[in-house]
Structure formats: C-alpha cells, structure tokens
Amino acid sequence: VKPEGERLHLLLRLPLALLLNLDLPKQGPGYLDLAHLDEALQAAAVVAAQEIALFEEGRRLDYQRATTRISLPSDTSFASYARALAHLNGPKLPIHTTVFWNQGFFDAHIEYPIASDQAAFAVRIMVAPSLGKRLKSMVRFLPAGGSVRAYQLVGDIGRVALDPRWHQAAWTFVQSGFRHILTGMDHLLFLVCLVIPIRRLR
C-alpha cells in the first residue's frame, strides 16, 4: 500500500485458489483460458476491493481503476514494490501459457483517489468465516517520506492503522494480548494457577 500525491496504490497478490468462487474461464483439464480472462479478472479486482477495505482519516475509499494479470507460481516480483509495479505494467503471459486454475497468482494494481498522501490510512481485510485464522495476509505500507511498515494479519482482526500513533500501537498490542490469552486453554490454566496461591493466602 503506497500513498503518492492524490493516489493510493494497492499492489495485490492472491493465490488463485482463493478465486475458486469466481469460476474463471478454463480449458482442457483445468488450465486457465488466458485469452478470455480479462472480464473475469476485472470482476476479481472488484471483489478484492470490497473485501480489502482501505480508509483515509476514517473514511472508506472507493477504488477508481484496476490493472490485473495472472502470474506463474515461480514469479518473485512481489519481493519489492518497484518490481511488483513493473511486473503489473509489463507484458502479460502469452495466451498459450499453461497455468492450472489453483497453481498461480492473481495480481492487481488498484488505485484510489485520496485527499493527501500525508493522511492517516488504515486497512481492514474481511475474511470469510470459512477461512477464519487459516488466512494470513502480509501487508507492507510505504508512507510518503517514511520507512516501510510491515504487518502480518491473521483472519479478520478489524481495522488496522497502517502508520499508527503510539497510543494506537499500544492499544493494538493490548487487544492482541487479550485475544492470545483467551484463545489458548494453556494460557487460561496458567492464570488459574497464579490465582490459586493468592486465594490460599487469604
């Protein structure tokens, strides 16, 4: 995610397996029909923009346009923002390339109009209940004139500030700590063991 002037850029890479419900055009024994994918990939970008909500100063952003493509499983261009952007703006795969429906990537460059690249931005990744905590999202935020912020988000944890103030970061750690304690039986047993000696002293 990179704010730049009056545009916010989202470079997105998703495993093709996550697009199963979109029923991308196929040919042969399950290979993608690259010659007839453009409309389906634009639909995938619309769905992605709905499920990945971006906010500027608390206001949800509406996407303006998207560039999409399919990439091979061996592609490593998303190692950096510059390489990913060049990859998305470069030539697409030849239409005769064989890509199995669940063994590649869906890549997209989604642009949003913003008021200022100095604003406070946030993201919420809305995960289907069926995926729950099995889905991990790696997010890198490149603020204008600042250092890169990296996040690993598990499931849908609500809205996350991408360049948080100190009190926002502290509150995030508190929430994460409580969730971590309450979701593990061993943590709850540990707390019970801490309380037992205190009750005996009383």
C-alpha atoms as a PDB file:
ATOM      1  CA  VAL A   1       0.000   0.000   0.000  1.00  0.00           C
ATOM      2  CA  LYS A   2       1.575   3.294  -1.073  1.00  0.00           C
ATOM      3  CA  PRO A   3       0.084   6.822  -0.936  1.00  0.00           C
ATOM      4  CA  GLU A   4       1.545   9.058  -3.614  1.00  0.00           C
ATOM      5  CA  GLY A   5       0.220  12.544  -4.327  1.00  0.00           C
ATOM      6  CA  GLU A   6      -3.546  12.229  -4.781  1.00  0.00           C
ATOM      7  CA  ARG A   7      -3.489   8.462  -5.347  1.00  0.00           C
ATOM      8  CA  LEU A   8      -3.291   5.466  -3.062  1.00  0.00           C
ATOM      9  CA  HIS A   9      -1.801   2.408  -4.761  1.00  0.00           C
ATOM     10  CA  LEU A  10      -2.622  -1.120  -3.677  1.00  0.00           C
ATOM     11  CA  LEU A  11      -0.481  -3.835  -5.259  1.00  0.00           C
ATOM     12  CA  LEU A  12      -2.183  -7.111  -4.516  1.00  0.00           C
ATOM     13  CA  ARG A  13      -1.176 -10.736  -4.962  1.00  0.00           C
ATOM     14  CA  LEU A  14      -3.611 -13.560  -4.197  1.00  0.00           C
ATOM     15  CA  PRO A  15      -3.236 -17.318  -4.683  1.00  0.00           C
ATOM     16  CA  LEU A  16      -5.542 -18.413  -7.499  1.00  0.00           C
ATOM     17  CA  ALA A  17      -7.141 -20.952  -5.160  1.00  0.00           C
ATOM     18  CA  LEU A  18      -8.869 -18.040  -3.386  1.00  0.00           C
ATOM     19  CA  LEU A  19     -10.719 -17.164  -6.607  1.00  0.00           C
ATOM     20  CA  LEU A  20     -12.485 -20.525  -6.816  1.00  0.00           C
ATOM     21  CA  ASN A  21     -15.951 -18.972  -6.403  1.00  0.00           C
ATOM     22  CA  LEU A  22     -15.421 -16.698  -9.420  1.00  0.00           C
ATOM     23  CA  ASP A  23     -15.215 -19.683 -11.774  1.00  0.00           C
ATOM     24  CA  LEU A  24     -12.508 -18.279 -14.057  1.00  0.00           C
ATOM     25  CA  PRO A  25     -12.700 -19.456 -17.699  1.00  0.00           C
ATOM     26  CA  LYS A  26     -10.853 -22.736 -18.184  1.00  0.00           C
ATOM     27  CA  GLN A  27      -9.853 -25.070 -20.955  1.00  0.00           C
ATOM     28  CA  GLY A  28      -8.604 -28.638 -21.146  1.00  0.00           C
ATOM     29  CA  PRO A  29      -8.070 -30.475 -17.829  1.00  0.00           C
ATOM     30  CA  GLY A  30      -8.340 -27.331 -15.665  1.00  0.00           C
ATOM     31  CA  TYR A  31      -5.944 -24.831 -17.270  1.00  0.00           C
ATOM     32  CA  LEU A  32      -6.896 -21.150 -17.279  1.00  0.00           C
ATOM     33  CA  ASP A  33      -8.112 -19.800 -20.607  1.00  0.00           C
ATOM     34  CA  LEU A  34      -5.799 -16.778 -20.683  1.00  0.00           C
ATOM     35  CA  ALA A  35      -7.334 -15.455 -23.904  1.00  0.00           C
ATOM     36  CA  HIS A  36     -10.731 -14.906 -22.245  1.00  0.00           C
ATOM     37  CA  LEU A  37      -9.829 -13.837 -18.707  1.00  0.00           C
ATOM     38  CA  ASP A  38      -9.908 -10.025 -18.834  1.00  0.00           C
ATOM     39  CA  GLU A  39     -13.541  -9.574 -17.787  1.00  0.00           C
ATOM     40  CA  ALA A  40     -13.276 -12.180 -15.024  1.00  0.00           C
ATOM     41  CA  LEU A  41     -10.085 -10.615 -13.661  1.00  0.00           C
ATOM     42  CA  GLN A  42     -11.722  -7.195 -13.503  1.00  0.00           C
ATOM     43  CA  ALA A  43     -14.569  -8.814 -11.543  1.00  0.00           C
ATOM     44  CA  ALA A  44     -11.957 -10.322  -9.217  1.00  0.00           C
ATOM     45  CA  ALA A  45     -10.479  -6.848  -8.675  1.00  0.00           C
ATOM     46  CA  VAL A  46     -13.942  -5.516  -7.725  1.00  0.00           C
ATOM     47  CA  VAL A  47     -14.379  -8.335  -5.187  1.00  0.00           C
ATOM     48  CA  ALA A  48     -10.888  -7.725  -3.802  1.00  0.00           C
ATOM     49  CA  ALA A  49     -11.613  -4.013  -3.369  1.00  0.00           C
ATOM     50  CA  GLN A  50     -14.781  -4.927  -1.461  1.00  0.00           C
ATOM     51  CA  GLU A  51     -13.043  -7.401   0.835  1.00  0.00           C
ATOM     52  CA  ILE A  52      -9.909  -5.292   1.409  1.00  0.00           C
ATOM     53  CA  ALA A  53     -11.213  -2.009   2.777  1.00  0.00           C
ATOM     54  CA  LEU A  54      -8.836   0.974   2.789  1.00  0.00           C
ATOM     55  CA  PHE A  55      -9.512   4.114   4.818  1.00  0.00           C
ATOM     56  CA  GLU A  56      -8.231   7.701   4.769  1.00  0.00           C
ATOM     57  CA  GLU A  57      -8.804   9.599   8.027  1.00  0.00           C
ATOM     58  CA  GLY A  58     -11.560   7.104   8.895  1.00  0.00           C
ATOM     59  CA  ARG A  59     -13.370   7.421   5.538  1.00  0.00           C
ATOM     60  CA  ARG A  60     -13.566   4.304   3.383  1.00  0.00           C
ATOM     61  CA  LEU A  61     -12.018   4.779  -0.039  1.00  0.00           C
ATOM     62  CA  ASP A  62     -13.688   3.818  -3.328  1.00  0.00           C
ATOM     63  CA  TYR A  63     -11.395   2.363  -5.941  1.00  0.00           C
ATOM     64  CA  GLN A  64     -11.065   4.127  -9.272  1.00  0.00           C
ATOM     65  CA  ARG A  65      -9.384   1.638 -11.599  1.00  0.00           C
ATOM     66  CA  ALA A  66      -7.502  -1.631 -11.602  1.00  0.00           C
ATOM     67  CA  THR A  67      -4.871  -3.353 -13.713  1.00  0.00           C
ATOM     68  CA  THR A  68      -4.887  -7.144 -13.438  1.00  0.00           C
ATOM     69  CA  ARG A  69      -2.947 -10.170 -14.618  1.00  0.00           C
ATOM     70  CA  ILE A  70      -2.176 -13.821 -13.926  1.00  0.00           C
ATOM     71  CA  SER A  71       1.337 -14.803 -12.806  1.00  0.00           C
ATOM     72  CA  LEU A  72       3.158 -18.101 -12.638  1.00  0.00           C
ATOM     73  CA  PRO A  73       3.862 -19.782  -9.275  1.00  0.00           C
ATOM     74  CA  SER A  74       7.591 -19.179  -9.832  1.00  0.00           C
ATOM     75  CA  ASP A  75       7.231 -15.390 -10.150  1.00  0.00           C
ATOM     76  CA  THR A  76       9.033 -13.430  -7.388  1.00  0.00           C
ATOM     77  CA  SER A  77       8.304  -9.863  -8.465  1.00  0.00           C
ATOM     78  CA  PHE A  78       6.398  -9.041  -5.267  1.00  0.00           C
ATOM     79  CA  ALA A  79       9.655  -9.061  -3.316  1.00  0.00           C
ATOM     80  CA  SER A  80       9.630  -5.254  -3.694  1.00  0.00           C
ATOM     81  CA  TYR A  81       7.137  -2.541  -4.594  1.00  0.00           C
ATOM     82  CA  ALA A  82       9.134  -1.345  -7.607  1.00  0.00           C
ATOM     83  CA  ARG A  83       9.455  -4.833  -9.078  1.00  0.00           C
ATOM     84  CA  ALA A  84       5.772  -5.620  -8.468  1.00  0.00           C
ATOM     85  CA  LEU A  85       4.679  -2.390 -10.153  1.00  0.00           C
ATOM     86  CA  ALA A  86       6.937  -3.029 -13.151  1.00  0.00           C
ATOM     87  CA  HIS A  87       5.594  -6.579 -13.380  1.00  0.00           C
ATOM     88  CA  LEU A  88       1.970  -5.392 -13.369  1.00  0.00           C
ATOM     89  CA  ASN A  89       2.706  -2.779 -16.031  1.00  0.00           C
ATOM     90  CA  GLY A  90       4.688  -5.226 -18.155  1.00  0.00           C
ATOM     91  CA  PRO A  91       3.517  -7.705 -20.787  1.00  0.00           C
ATOM     92  CA  LYS A  92       1.026 -10.349 -19.716  1.00  0.00           C
ATOM     93  CA  LEU A  93       1.577 -14.061 -20.052  1.00  0.00           C
ATOM     94  CA  PRO A  94       1.284 -15.409 -23.612  1.00  0.00           C
ATOM     95  CA  ILE A  95      -2.183 -16.855 -24.094  1.00  0.00           C
ATOM     96  CA  HIS A  96      -0.777 -20.343 -24.733  1.00  0.00           C
ATOM     97  CA  THR A  97       0.906 -20.483 -21.297  1.00  0.00           C
ATOM     98  CA  THR A  98      -0.370 -23.390 -19.202  1.00  0.00           C
ATOM     99  CA  VAL A  99      -1.448 -22.236 -15.741  1.00  0.00           C
ATOM    100  CA  PHE A 100      -3.539 -24.643 -13.677  1.00  0.00           C
ATOM    101  CA  TRP A 101      -6.539 -22.973 -12.046  1.00  0.00           C
ATOM    102  CA  ASN A 102      -5.140 -23.182  -8.485  1.00  0.00           C
ATOM    103  CA  GLN A 103      -1.376 -23.044  -9.013  1.00  0.00           C
ATOM    104  CA  GLY A 104      -0.601 -19.450  -9.904  1.00  0.00           C
ATOM    105  CA  PHE A 105      -1.328 -15.922  -8.682  1.00  0.00           C
ATOM    106  CA  PHE A 106      -3.895 -13.229  -9.339  1.00  0.00           C
ATOM    107  CA  ASP A 107      -2.092  -9.867  -9.311  1.00  0.00           C
ATOM    108  CA  ALA A 108      -3.743  -6.463  -9.320  1.00  0.00           C
ATOM    109  CA  HIS A 109      -2.812  -2.790  -9.147  1.00  0.00           C
ATOM    110  CA  ILE A 110      -5.811  -0.986  -7.654  1.00  0.00           C
ATOM    111  CA  GLU A 111      -5.843   2.815  -7.440  1.00  0.00           C
ATOM    112  CA  TYR A 112      -7.855   5.009  -5.085  1.00  0.00           C
ATOM    113  CA  PRO A 113      -8.249   8.824  -5.153  1.00  0.00           C
ATOM    114  CA  ILE A 114      -7.173  10.442  -1.866  1.00  0.00           C
ATOM    115  CA  ALA A 115      -7.022  13.955  -0.446  1.00  0.00           C
ATOM    116  CA  SER A 116      -3.390  13.787   0.729  1.00  0.00           C
ATOM    117  CA  ASP A 117      -0.559  11.285   0.928  1.00  0.00           C
ATOM    118  CA  GLN A 118       0.174  12.648   4.433  1.00  0.00           C
ATOM    119  CA  ALA A 119      -3.192  11.484   5.827  1.00  0.00           C
ATOM    120  CA  ALA A 120      -3.737   8.636   8.286  1.00  0.00           C
ATOM    121  CA  PHE A 121      -4.518   5.399   6.466  1.00  0.00           C
ATOM    122  CA  ALA A 122      -5.944   2.113   7.697  1.00  0.00           C
ATOM    123  CA  VAL A 123      -6.890  -1.271   6.279  1.00  0.00           C
ATOM    124  CA  ARG A 124      -9.370  -3.974   7.134  1.00  0.00           C
ATOM    125  CA  ILE A 125      -9.174  -7.372   5.467  1.00  0.00           C
ATOM    126  CA  MET A 126     -12.582  -9.022   5.708  1.00  0.00           C
ATOM    127  CA  VAL A 127     -12.094 -12.764   5.742  1.00  0.00           C
ATOM    128  CA  ALA A 128     -14.863 -15.286   5.110  1.00  0.00           C
ATOM    129  CA  PRO A 129     -15.788 -17.242   8.276  1.00  0.00           C
ATOM    130  CA  SER A 130     -14.898 -20.475   6.490  1.00  0.00           C
ATOM    131  CA  LEU A 131     -11.274 -19.344   6.215  1.00  0.00           C
ATOM    132  CA  GLY A 132     -11.009 -17.917   9.717  1.00  0.00           C
ATOM    133  CA  LYS A 133      -7.464 -17.887  11.040  1.00  0.00           C
ATOM    134  CA  ARG A 134      -6.162 -20.071   8.215  1.00  0.00           C
ATOM    135  CA  LEU A 135      -5.693 -16.977   6.061  1.00  0.00           C
ATOM    136  CA  LYS A 136      -2.620 -14.836   6.745  1.00  0.00           C
ATOM    137  CA  SER A 137      -2.198 -11.515   4.988  1.00  0.00           C
ATOM    138  CA  MET A 138       1.209  -9.893   4.604  1.00  0.00           C
ATOM    139  CA  VAL A 139       0.849  -6.113   4.327  1.00  0.00           C
ATOM    140  CA  ARG A 140       3.592  -3.596   3.613  1.00  0.00           C
ATOM    141  CA  PHE A 141       2.841   0.127   3.904  1.00  0.00           C
ATOM    142  CA  LEU A 142       5.146   2.618   2.181  1.00  0.00           C
ATOM    143  CA  PRO A 143       4.306   6.039   3.663  1.00  0.00           C
ATOM    144  CA  ALA A 144       5.348   9.178   1.814  1.00  0.00           C
ATOM    145  CA  GLY A 145       8.791  10.070   3.106  1.00  0.00           C
ATOM    146  CA  GLY A 146       8.812   7.399   5.818  1.00  0.00           C
ATOM    147  CA  SER A 147      10.132   3.923   6.473  1.00  0.00           C
ATOM    148  CA  VAL A 148       8.285   0.788   5.410  1.00  0.00           C
ATOM    149  CA  ARG A 149       5.807  -0.692   7.890  1.00  0.00           C
ATOM    150  CA  ALA A 150       5.230  -4.447   7.688  1.00  0.00           C
ATOM    151  CA  TYR A 151       2.292  -6.360   9.175  1.00  0.00           C
ATOM    152  CA  GLN A 152       1.110  -9.946   9.319  1.00  0.00           C
ATOM    153  CA  LEU A 153      -2.661 -10.058   9.799  1.00  0.00           C
ATOM    154  CA  VAL A 154      -4.361 -13.323  10.727  1.00  0.00           C
ATOM    155  CA  GLY A 155      -8.010 -13.580   9.786  1.00  0.00           C
ATOM    156  CA  ASP A 156     -10.233 -10.525  10.212  1.00  0.00           C
ATOM    157  CA  ILE A 157      -8.954  -8.521  13.185  1.00  0.00           C
ATOM    158  CA  GLY A 158     -10.824  -5.340  12.326  1.00  0.00           C
ATOM    159  CA  ARG A 159      -9.407  -2.038  11.159  1.00  0.00           C
ATOM    160  CA  VAL A 160      -5.622  -1.685  11.440  1.00  0.00           C
ATOM    161  CA  ALA A 161      -3.841   1.692  11.317  1.00  0.00           C
ATOM    162  CA  LEU A 162      -1.065   1.473   8.738  1.00  0.00           C
ATOM    163  CA  ASP A 163       1.107   4.188  10.312  1.00  0.00           C
ATOM    164  CA  PRO A 164      -0.186   4.196  13.884  1.00  0.00           C
ATOM    165  CA  ARG A 165       0.431   6.812  16.548  1.00  0.00           C
ATOM    166  CA  TRP A 166       1.983   5.466  19.757  1.00  0.00           C
ATOM    167  CA  HIS A 167      -1.379   5.128  21.560  1.00  0.00           C
ATOM    168  CA  GLN A 168      -2.894   3.260  18.586  1.00  0.00           C
ATOM    169  CA  ALA A 169       0.037   0.838  18.552  1.00  0.00           C
ATOM    170  CA  ALA A 170      -0.230   0.302  22.310  1.00  0.00           C
ATOM    171  CA  TRP A 171      -3.967  -0.413  22.083  1.00  0.00           C
ATOM    172  CA  THR A 172      -3.337  -2.908  19.270  1.00  0.00           C
ATOM    173  CA  PHE A 173      -0.831  -4.779  21.476  1.00  0.00           C
ATOM    174  CA  VAL A 174      -3.319  -4.828  24.389  1.00  0.00           C
ATOM    175  CA  GLN A 175      -6.089  -6.231  22.175  1.00  0.00           C
ATOM    176  CA  SER A 176      -3.754  -8.795  20.658  1.00  0.00           C
ATOM    177  CA  GLY A 177      -2.587  -9.888  24.103  1.00  0.00           C
ATOM    178  CA  PHE A 178      -6.137 -10.424  25.374  1.00  0.00           C
ATOM    179  CA  ARG A 179      -7.091 -12.393  22.258  1.00  0.00           C
ATOM    180  CA  HIS A 180      -3.967 -14.518  22.605  1.00  0.00           C
ATOM    181  CA  ILE A 181      -4.751 -15.335  26.237  1.00  0.00           C
ATOM    182  CA  LEU A 182      -8.438 -16.078  25.705  1.00  0.00           C
ATOM    183  CA  THR A 183      -7.915 -18.379  22.713  1.00  0.00           C
ATOM    184  CA  GLY A 184      -5.496 -20.765  24.414  1.00  0.00           C
ATOM    185  CA  MET A 185      -6.547 -23.210  27.155  1.00  0.00           C
ATOM    186  CA  ASP A 186      -2.955 -23.403  28.425  1.00  0.00           C
ATOM    187  CA  HIS A 187      -2.927 -19.623  28.971  1.00  0.00           C
ATOM    188  CA  LEU A 188      -6.171 -19.752  30.964  1.00  0.00           C
ATOM    189  CA  LEU A 189      -4.850 -22.630  33.097  1.00  0.00           C
ATOM    190  CA  PHE A 190      -1.689 -20.623  33.768  1.00  0.00           C
ATOM    191  CA  LEU A 191      -3.792 -17.689  35.014  1.00  0.00           C
ATOM    192  CA  VAL A 192      -5.814 -20.034  37.247  1.00  0.00           C
ATOM    193  CA  CYS A 193      -2.583 -21.416  38.741  1.00  0.00           C
ATOM    194  CA  LEU A 194      -1.455 -17.871  39.503  1.00  0.00           C
ATOM    195  CA  VAL A 195      -4.708 -17.123  41.320  1.00  0.00           C
ATOM    196  CA  ILE A 196      -4.822 -20.319  43.463  1.00  0.00           C
ATOM    197  CA  PRO A 197      -1.910 -19.389  45.847  1.00  0.00           C
ATOM    198  CA  ILE A 198      -3.410 -15.923  46.375  1.00  0.00           C
ATOM    199  CA  ARG A 199      -6.740 -17.432  47.424  1.00  0.00           C
ATOM    200  CA  ARG A 200      -4.944 -19.763  49.874  1.00  0.00           C
ATOM    201  CA  LEU A 201      -3.092 -16.832  51.460  1.00  0.00           C
ATOM    202  CA  ARG A 202      -6.399 -15.115  52.084  1.00  0.00           C
END
